[in-house]
Amino acid sequence: MSRMTSIAEVDQLIAGWQERLRLIDTNLLALEQDSTMVFLQRMVASGTGLDGVTKERAGPAITAFANIPTYRSLLDDVVQKAVKLRGRTTFLLSEKTLAEIVALLSGPSIALETSSLPLAQRDLLSTAQTISPDALLREMVRAYEAARDIVTAVGQTWDRRQRDLDTVQKSIADLQQQAAAQDLSVPELDSLTQELARLGARMLSDPLGAADDWSGHLQPRLEAVRSSIGQVQEKRARITAQLGEAQALIGELADQCATCERLFEELRIGIARSQPVLVPVSTGEIDGLRSWLQTLEGLAISRKWDALGVGLTRWLEAATAYKTQLAMNAETNGKPLAERDDLRGLLSARQAQASMLLGRGILLPVETREYQARAEALLNEKPADLDEARSLVAKYDQAVQAAMAHHRS
């Protein structure tokens, strides 16, 4: 390694530590200014205000975090010594100077009081210990992450549980109203109200412990009450939705029936009877379903939910089967009419091509033109002979395409 390369590496090493210090300052300031951190630092410093799980987890983390500014100063001192040794020269540095800089930034160059070290790194008799910048930085990272995690956990728990408390309080009030409307007595709601008040008081001093208490006791109890009261509402909502579905379906069936009648009439008049035709569905079946639905609507008004639920299930089964029958009827009767329209479209397209050929002095044979005239007449007749029209259009199609291909060649 050349002397110039060694200088470049030292400069890079110094710059790296300067960038680390900048990042430490930015992130440290952000965490120190966090409102949850401010609260926890004040509580840990006073030794009061925190209890239970939160005290057990936050105390050591916040205490360790308090050492980070001291560690940061020690790191900065070492970096400044390295910068001073490096100087401002752009010329070669001595091997000794380069080695001293590397030793400062990479070796055990920082003296720490034993009281500042984690317990796992202390010796029984030593009062101080030297440590490398990297090792000290690792301790800072561990302390920072532990404090950040506890601050995040406490802050998120406060936010989440406060929202949950508000939601549960509203839920209890709503359930009390629902129970009253159902004429139900639910003593568990009174117990939940008392538990909610106790939990709210505990939330401030032990949010993490209160979170456990919440998930273990309050929420399942609330869900059980909600479930028991909501069963009747869910059943009625489901039946009401089925009734709405039935009311919409009866209109769809009427429209489908009208479509089937229209297609049948168009098929009867427009296409020769050589095509398969289904007898149109009778509107009497629609009237029967409509009368049945009116009876069910009467059950809804009188709030006879059990009978209404059974009746709606049977009505929907019958109406759905009838809807399938109507769809099959429309599909069968619509096919010949759709084919007639398709043949008209194909014939029109080939006529346009024949006109283009004529404009270029190419006249199709008389026989081909007769195919077109006879097919057009057939397709416009009522009833139309679809079989013969299909054959004529196919012959005309082939003749025009052959003429077009010959013209292009």
Protein backbone atom coordinates (compact mmCIF):
# COMPACT_ATOMS: atom_id res chain seq x y z
CA MET A 1 0.00 0.00 0.00
CA SER A 2 1.45 3.40 -1.01
CA ARG A 3 1.82 6.34 1.36
CA MET A 4 -0.77 8.34 -0.64
CA THR A 5 -3.24 5.45 -0.39
CA SER A 6 -2.73 5.38 3.38
CA ILE A 7 -3.56 9.07 3.60
CA ALA A 8 -6.68 8.56 1.53
CA GLU A 9 -7.78 5.72 3.79
CA VAL A 10 -7.20 7.81 6.90
CA ASP A 11 -9.21 10.66 5.41
CA GLN A 12 -12.00 8.22 4.63
CA LEU A 13 -11.84 6.82 8.18
CA ILE A 14 -12.08 10.29 9.71
CA ALA A 15 -14.91 11.30 7.37
CA GLY A 16 -16.78 8.14 8.29
CA TRP A 17 -16.63 8.94 11.98
CA GLN A 18 -17.64 12.55 11.37
CA GLU A 19 -20.68 11.33 9.45
CA ARG A 20 -21.55 8.92 12.28
CA LEU A 21 -21.39 11.77 14.78
CA ARG A 22 -23.68 13.86 12.58
CA LEU A 23 -26.22 11.04 12.37
CA ILE A 24 -25.97 10.47 16.12
CA ASP A 25 -26.75 14.13 16.79
CA THR A 26 -29.73 14.12 14.42
CA ASN A 27 -31.32 10.94 15.72
CA LEU A 28 -30.49 11.63 19.34
CA LEU A 29 -32.16 15.03 19.18
CA ALA A 30 -35.25 13.58 17.53
CA LEU A 31 -35.67 10.98 20.25
CA GLU A 32 -34.92 13.41 23.08
CA GLN A 33 -37.65 15.75 21.82
CA ASP A 34 -40.27 13.03 21.54
CA SER A 35 -43.09 13.78 23.99
CA THR A 36 -43.21 10.19 25.23
CA MET A 37 -39.45 10.22 25.87
CA VAL A 38 -39.74 13.51 27.79
CA PHE A 39 -42.47 11.99 29.97
CA LEU A 40 -40.55 8.76 30.61
CA GLN A 41 -37.32 10.59 31.44
CA ARG A 42 -39.16 12.74 33.95
CA MET A 43 -40.84 9.71 35.56
CA VAL A 44 -37.62 7.67 35.72
CA ALA A 45 -35.67 10.61 37.14
CA SER A 46 -38.28 11.19 39.84
CA GLY A 47 -38.67 7.50 40.62
CA THR A 48 -42.45 7.91 40.74
CA GLY A 49 -45.31 7.75 38.25
CA LEU A 50 -44.46 4.45 36.56
CA ASP A 51 -45.59 1.04 37.73
CA GLY A 52 -45.63 -2.60 36.75
CA VAL A 53 -44.41 -3.77 33.36
CA THR A 54 -43.74 -0.28 32.08
CA LYS A 55 -41.50 0.55 35.05
CA GLU A 56 -39.58 -2.71 34.67
CA ARG A 57 -38.92 -2.15 30.96
CA ALA A 58 -38.58 1.62 30.77
CA GLY A 59 -36.36 2.19 33.82
CA PRO A 60 -33.20 0.40 32.58
CA ALA A 61 -33.67 1.61 28.98
CA ILE A 62 -34.08 5.27 29.90
CA THR A 63 -31.19 5.10 32.39
CA ALA A 64 -28.87 3.61 29.75
CA PHE A 65 -30.01 6.21 27.25
CA ALA A 66 -28.87 8.96 29.61
CA ASN A 67 -25.24 7.82 29.07
CA ILE A 68 -25.36 8.37 25.32
CA PRO A 69 -24.47 12.12 25.38
CA THR A 70 -21.39 11.29 27.49
CA TYR A 71 -20.41 8.53 25.07
CA ARG A 72 -20.94 10.91 22.17
CA SER A 73 -18.55 13.45 23.73
CA LEU A 74 -15.89 10.76 24.18
CA LEU A 75 -16.24 9.77 20.53
CA ASP A 76 -16.02 13.38 19.44
CA ASP A 77 -12.85 13.88 21.48
CA VAL A 78 -11.18 10.98 19.73
CA VAL A 79 -12.25 12.17 16.29
CA GLN A 80 -10.98 15.67 17.02
CA LYS A 81 -7.61 14.25 18.12
CA ALA A 82 -7.45 12.33 14.85
CA VAL A 83 -8.34 15.45 12.86
CA LYS A 84 -5.63 17.40 14.67
CA LEU A 85 -3.04 14.74 13.93
CA ARG A 86 -4.11 14.67 10.28
CA GLY A 87 -3.68 18.44 10.04
CA ARG A 88 -4.31 20.43 6.89
CA THR A 89 -1.37 19.24 4.83
CA THR A 90 -1.88 17.64 1.46
CA PHE A 91 1.63 16.22 1.53
CA LEU A 92 2.77 12.89 2.83
CA LEU A 93 2.30 12.03 6.49
CA SER A 94 4.69 9.87 8.43
CA GLU A 95 3.91 6.25 9.01
CA LYS A 96 3.91 6.96 12.73
CA THR A 97 1.27 9.69 12.41
CA LEU A 98 -0.91 7.48 10.21
CA ALA A 99 -0.60 4.64 12.70
CA GLU A 100 -1.54 6.94 15.58
CA ILE A 101 -4.68 8.07 13.74
CA VAL A 102 -5.68 4.50 12.95
CA ALA A 103 -5.03 3.48 16.56
CA LEU A 104 -7.22 6.33 17.81
CA LEU A 105 -10.16 5.49 15.53
CA SER A 106 -9.90 1.72 15.46
CA GLY A 107 -8.11 0.64 18.65
CA PRO A 108 -8.95 0.76 22.39
CA SER A 109 -8.43 4.52 22.72
CA ILE A 110 -11.36 5.57 24.95
CA ALA A 111 -11.19 5.30 28.74
CA LEU A 112 -14.51 4.63 30.44
CA GLU A 113 -15.29 4.69 34.12
CA THR A 114 -16.51 1.28 35.21
CA SER A 115 -19.79 2.83 36.37
CA SER A 116 -20.48 3.83 32.78
CA LEU A 117 -20.08 0.29 31.47
CA PRO A 118 -22.84 -2.31 31.21
CA LEU A 119 -22.62 -4.79 34.07
CA ALA A 120 -21.59 -7.64 31.71
CA GLN A 121 -18.43 -5.73 30.73
CA ARG A 122 -17.22 -4.78 34.22
CA ASP A 123 -14.27 -6.34 36.06
CA LEU A 124 -14.41 -6.85 39.82
CA LEU A 125 -11.37 -4.71 40.64
CA SER A 126 -11.03 -2.26 37.77
CA THR A 127 -12.10 1.36 38.05
CA ALA A 128 -11.74 2.16 34.37
CA GLN A 129 -11.56 0.34 31.07
CA THR A 130 -10.33 1.25 27.62
CA ILE A 131 -12.61 0.58 24.70
CA SER A 132 -12.48 1.15 20.95
CA PRO A 133 -14.72 3.72 19.23
CA ASP A 134 -16.49 0.87 17.40
CA ALA A 135 -17.18 -0.94 20.66
CA LEU A 136 -18.43 2.27 22.29
CA LEU A 137 -20.61 2.96 19.26
CA ARG A 138 -22.14 -0.49 19.59
CA GLU A 139 -23.03 0.26 23.19
CA MET A 140 -24.57 3.55 22.09
CA VAL A 141 -26.59 1.80 19.39
CA ARG A 142 -27.84 -0.79 21.89
CA ALA A 143 -28.81 1.90 24.38
CA TYR A 144 -30.45 4.03 21.70
CA GLU A 145 -32.42 1.13 20.22
CA ALA A 146 -33.57 -0.05 23.65
CA ALA A 147 -34.79 3.46 24.51
CA ARG A 148 -36.33 3.97 21.06
CA ASP A 149 -38.18 0.66 21.29
CA ILE A 150 -39.59 1.37 24.73
CA VAL A 151 -40.59 4.92 23.74
CA THR A 152 -42.25 3.59 20.59
CA ALA A 153 -44.02 0.81 22.47
CA VAL A 154 -45.31 3.14 25.18
CA GLY A 155 -46.30 5.89 22.73
CA GLN A 156 -48.08 3.53 20.38
CA THR A 157 -49.81 1.84 23.28
CA TRP A 158 -51.02 5.14 24.65
CA ASP A 159 -52.32 6.23 21.29
CA ARG A 160 -53.88 2.91 20.44
CA ARG A 161 -55.39 2.21 23.83
CA GLN A 162 -56.75 5.70 24.24
CA ARG A 163 -58.54 5.26 20.95
CA ASP A 164 -59.65 1.84 22.12
CA LEU A 165 -60.89 3.24 25.41
CA ASP A 166 -62.92 5.87 23.58
CA THR A 167 -64.24 3.26 21.18
CA VAL A 168 -65.20 0.86 23.96
CA GLN A 169 -66.87 3.61 25.93
CA LYS A 170 -68.96 4.46 22.90
CA SER A 171 -69.59 0.76 22.24
CA ILE A 172 -70.83 0.23 25.78
CA ALA A 173 -73.22 3.17 25.42
CA ASP A 174 -74.46 1.84 22.09
CA LEU A 175 -74.91 -1.66 23.49
CA GLN A 176 -76.82 -0.28 26.44
CA GLN A 177 -79.17 1.45 24.02
CA GLN A 178 -79.55 -1.70 21.96
CA ALA A 179 -80.20 -3.80 25.04
CA ALA A 180 -82.85 -1.36 26.17
CA ALA A 181 -84.47 -1.44 22.74
CA GLN A 182 -84.52 -5.23 22.92
CA ASP A 183 -85.76 -5.06 26.52
CA LEU A 184 -82.70 -7.01 27.68
CA SER A 185 -80.96 -6.84 31.07
CA VAL A 186 -77.17 -7.13 30.69
CA PRO A 187 -75.34 -6.80 34.05
CA GLU A 188 -72.04 -7.39 32.28
CA LEU A 189 -72.32 -3.94 30.74
CA ASP A 190 -72.25 -2.33 34.22
CA SER A 191 -69.21 -4.41 35.11
CA LEU A 192 -67.48 -3.38 31.89
CA THR A 193 -68.13 0.28 32.64
CA GLN A 194 -66.40 -0.05 36.02
CA GLU A 195 -63.50 -1.98 34.46
CA LEU A 196 -63.10 0.68 31.80
CA ALA A 197 -62.72 3.39 34.44
CA ARG A 198 -60.07 1.35 36.30
CA LEU A 199 -58.16 0.67 33.10
CA GLY A 200 -58.16 4.33 32.11
CA ALA A 201 -56.55 5.27 35.43
CA ARG A 202 -53.91 2.59 35.03
CA MET A 203 -53.12 3.51 31.43
CA LEU A 204 -51.02 6.52 32.39
CA SER A 205 -48.77 4.77 34.92
CA ASP A 206 -48.45 1.36 33.26
CA PRO A 207 -49.54 1.47 29.61
CA LEU A 208 -47.76 -1.75 28.69
CA GLY A 209 -49.24 -3.65 31.62
CA ALA A 210 -52.65 -2.15 30.94
CA ALA A 211 -52.40 -3.36 27.35
CA ASP A 212 -51.95 -6.91 28.60
CA ASP A 213 -54.88 -6.51 30.96
CA TRP A 214 -56.98 -5.18 28.12
CA SER A 215 -56.32 -8.04 25.76
CA GLY A 216 -56.70 -10.61 28.50
CA HIS A 217 -59.94 -9.47 30.09
CA LEU A 218 -61.80 -6.44 28.85
CA GLN A 219 -61.89 -6.96 25.10
CA PRO A 220 -63.08 -10.59 25.14
CA ARG A 221 -65.81 -9.67 27.60
CA LEU A 222 -66.90 -6.78 25.46
CA GLU A 223 -66.94 -9.01 22.39
CA ALA A 224 -69.03 -11.58 24.23
CA VAL A 225 -71.62 -8.96 25.17
CA ARG A 226 -71.61 -7.55 21.66
CA SER A 227 -72.03 -11.02 20.21
CA SER A 228 -74.95 -11.93 22.46
CA ILE A 229 -76.80 -8.68 21.77
CA GLY A 230 -75.88 -8.62 18.11
CA GLN A 231 -77.21 -12.07 17.25
CA VAL A 232 -80.77 -10.86 16.95
CA GLN A 233 -79.70 -7.77 14.99
CA GLU A 234 -77.56 -9.82 12.62
CA LYS A 235 -80.40 -12.21 11.95
CA ARG A 236 -82.82 -9.40 11.24
CA ALA A 237 -80.30 -7.57 9.07
CA ARG A 238 -79.74 -10.74 7.04
CA ILE A 239 -83.46 -11.26 6.56
CA THR A 240 -83.94 -7.59 5.66
CA ALA A 241 -81.19 -7.89 3.05
CA GLN A 242 -82.87 -11.00 1.61
CA LEU A 243 -86.14 -9.11 1.44
CA GLY A 244 -84.43 -6.31 -0.48
CA GLU A 245 -82.89 -8.87 -2.80
CA ALA A 246 -86.29 -10.41 -3.41
CA GLN A 247 -87.87 -7.02 -4.13
CA ALA A 248 -85.14 -6.24 -6.67
CA LEU A 249 -85.36 -9.71 -8.20
CA ILE A 250 -89.10 -9.51 -8.86
CA GLY A 251 -88.45 -6.46 -11.03
CA GLU A 252 -85.65 -8.25 -12.89
CA LEU A 253 -87.93 -11.22 -13.51
CA ALA A 254 -90.63 -8.97 -14.94
CA ASP A 255 -88.09 -7.40 -17.31
CA GLN A 256 -86.75 -10.81 -18.34
CA CYS A 257 -90.26 -12.08 -18.99
CA ALA A 258 -91.00 -9.07 -21.20
CA THR A 259 -87.75 -9.69 -23.10
CA CYS A 260 -88.69 -13.34 -23.66
CA GLU A 261 -92.10 -12.35 -24.99
CA ARG A 262 -90.55 -9.77 -27.31
CA LEU A 263 -87.96 -12.22 -28.65
CA PHE A 264 -90.63 -14.88 -29.18
CA GLU A 265 -92.76 -12.47 -31.15
CA GLU A 266 -89.83 -11.24 -33.23
CA LEU A 267 -88.79 -14.84 -33.91
CA ARG A 268 -92.30 -15.89 -34.83
CA ILE A 269 -92.66 -13.04 -37.32
CA GLY A 270 -89.09 -12.55 -38.50
CA ILE A 271 -87.67 -16.08 -38.94
CA ALA A 272 -89.14 -19.07 -40.76
CA ARG A 273 -90.38 -21.81 -38.44
CA SER A 274 -87.58 -24.09 -39.46
CA GLN A 275 -85.75 -22.59 -36.43
CA PRO A 276 -86.35 -23.99 -32.88
CA VAL A 277 -88.75 -21.85 -30.86
CA LEU A 278 -89.59 -22.18 -27.18
CA VAL A 279 -93.07 -21.26 -26.00
CA PRO A 280 -92.80 -17.90 -24.16
CA VAL A 281 -92.92 -18.01 -20.38
CA SER A 282 -96.25 -17.03 -18.90
CA THR A 283 -96.50 -13.83 -16.88
CA GLY A 284 -98.82 -15.75 -14.54
CA GLU A 285 -95.79 -17.18 -12.82
CA ILE A 286 -94.50 -13.63 -12.21
CA ASP A 287 -97.85 -12.69 -10.70
CA GLY A 288 -97.70 -15.70 -8.39
CA LEU A 289 -94.23 -14.77 -7.17
CA ARG A 290 -95.29 -11.16 -6.69
CA SER A 291 -98.30 -12.18 -4.58
CA TRP A 292 -96.15 -14.50 -2.51
CA LEU A 293 -93.64 -11.68 -1.93
CA GLN A 294 -96.40 -9.36 -0.75
CA THR A 295 -97.35 -11.93 1.88
CA LEU A 296 -93.74 -12.03 3.05
CA GLU A 297 -93.63 -8.22 3.22
CA GLY A 298 -96.61 -8.43 5.56
CA LEU A 299 -94.61 -10.74 7.85
CA ALA A 300 -91.82 -8.15 7.89
CA ILE A 301 -94.21 -5.42 8.96
CA SER A 302 -95.51 -7.57 11.80
CA ARG A 303 -91.88 -8.44 12.74
CA LYS A 304 -92.41 -12.21 12.45
CA TRP A 305 -88.76 -12.74 11.67
CA ASP A 306 -88.56 -16.54 11.92
CA ALA A 307 -91.44 -17.15 9.55
CA LEU A 308 -90.15 -14.42 7.24
CA GLY A 309 -86.67 -15.97 7.09
CA VAL A 310 -87.99 -19.41 6.15
CA GLY A 311 -90.38 -17.97 3.57
CA LEU A 312 -87.75 -15.77 1.95
CA THR A 313 -85.35 -18.69 1.55
CA ARG A 314 -87.98 -20.68 -0.30
CA TRP A 315 -89.08 -17.68 -2.37
CA LEU A 316 -85.52 -16.92 -3.48
CA GLU A 317 -84.96 -20.55 -4.49
CA ALA A 318 -88.11 -20.53 -6.63
CA ALA A 319 -87.34 -17.11 -8.14
CA THR A 320 -83.73 -18.04 -8.93
CA ALA A 321 -84.85 -21.21 -10.73
CA TYR A 322 -87.38 -19.19 -12.71
CA LYS A 323 -84.69 -16.62 -13.59
CA THR A 324 -82.52 -19.42 -15.00
CA GLN A 325 -85.47 -20.67 -17.07
CA LEU A 326 -86.05 -17.19 -18.48
CA ALA A 327 -82.38 -16.77 -19.37
CA MET A 328 -82.37 -20.08 -21.26
CA ASN A 329 -85.55 -19.07 -23.09
CA ALA A 330 -84.05 -15.71 -24.14
CA GLU A 331 -80.81 -17.33 -25.27
CA THR A 332 -82.57 -19.95 -27.42
CA ASN A 333 -84.97 -17.50 -29.08
CA GLY A 334 -82.32 -14.84 -29.50
CA LYS A 335 -79.82 -16.97 -31.44
CA PRO A 336 -81.68 -17.05 -34.80
CA LEU A 337 -82.35 -13.32 -34.61
CA ALA A 338 -78.71 -12.62 -33.80
CA GLU A 339 -77.61 -14.82 -36.72
CA ARG A 340 -79.91 -12.92 -39.07
CA ASP A 341 -78.36 -9.63 -37.94
CA ASP A 342 -74.86 -11.07 -38.35
CA LEU A 343 -75.67 -12.21 -41.90
CA ARG A 344 -76.97 -8.74 -42.72
CA GLY A 345 -73.75 -7.23 -41.45
CA LEU A 346 -71.55 -9.62 -43.43
CA LEU A 347 -73.60 -9.05 -46.57
CA SER A 348 -73.29 -5.29 -46.16
CA ALA A 349 -69.52 -5.51 -45.73
CA ARG A 350 -69.11 -7.60 -48.89
CA GLN A 351 -71.39 -5.22 -50.80
CA ALA A 352 -69.04 -2.38 -49.89
CA GLN A 353 -66.09 -4.38 -51.23
CA ALA A 354 -67.98 -5.16 -54.46
CA SER A 355 -68.69 -1.46 -54.90
CA MET A 356 -64.99 -0.71 -54.47
CA LEU A 357 -64.15 -3.29 -57.16
CA LEU A 358 -66.76 -1.80 -59.46
CA GLY A 359 -65.18 1.61 -58.98
CA ARG A 360 -61.94 0.08 -60.27
CA GLY A 361 -63.67 -1.34 -63.34
CA ILE A 362 -64.16 -4.86 -62.03
CA LEU A 363 -67.74 -6.12 -62.34
CA LEU A 364 -68.65 -9.28 -60.48
CA PRO A 365 -70.34 -12.07 -62.45
CA VAL A 366 -74.13 -11.93 -62.79
CA GLU A 367 -74.48 -15.08 -60.72
CA THR A 368 -72.57 -13.50 -57.85
CA ARG A 369 -74.70 -10.37 -57.96
CA GLU A 370 -77.79 -12.55 -57.92
CA TYR A 371 -76.54 -14.21 -54.73
CA GLN A 372 -76.40 -10.77 -53.14
CA ALA A 373 -79.82 -9.66 -54.32
CA ARG A 374 -81.54 -12.90 -53.30
CA ALA A 375 -79.80 -12.97 -49.89
CA GLU A 376 -80.72 -9.34 -49.18
CA ALA A 377 -84.33 -9.97 -50.12
CA LEU A 378 -84.52 -13.08 -47.96
CA LEU A 379 -83.01 -11.36 -44.93
CA ASN A 380 -85.56 -8.56 -45.18
CA GLU A 381 -88.54 -10.89 -45.59
CA LYS A 382 -90.78 -11.77 -42.66
CA PRO A 383 -90.46 -14.57 -41.91
CA ALA A 384 -86.95 -14.97 -43.36
CA ASP A 385 -85.71 -18.33 -44.61
CA LEU A 386 -82.52 -18.31 -42.57
CA ASP A 387 -81.12 -21.54 -44.02
CA GLU A 388 -81.30 -20.34 -47.62
CA ALA A 389 -80.07 -16.85 -46.68
CA ARG A 390 -77.10 -18.38 -44.88
CA SER A 391 -76.17 -20.38 -47.96
CA LEU A 392 -76.49 -17.40 -50.32
CA VAL A 393 -74.46 -15.08 -48.08
CA ALA A 394 -71.72 -17.72 -47.83
CA LYS A 395 -71.56 -18.03 -51.65
CA TYR A 396 -71.51 -14.25 -52.06
CA ASP A 397 -68.84 -13.92 -49.37
CA GLN A 398 -66.59 -16.48 -51.06
CA ALA A 399 -67.04 -14.90 -54.51
CA VAL A 400 -66.24 -11.36 -53.32
CA GLN A 401 -63.19 -12.49 -51.33
CA ALA A 402 -61.92 -14.42 -54.35
CA ALA A 403 -62.35 -11.34 -56.56
CA MET A 404 -60.52 -9.19 -54.02
CA ALA A 405 -57.64 -11.66 -53.85
CA HIS A 406 -57.40 -11.83 -57.64
CA HIS A 407 -57.40 -8.03 -57.82
CA ARG A 408 -54.57 -7.73 -55.28
CA SER A 409 -52.45 -10.30 -57.15
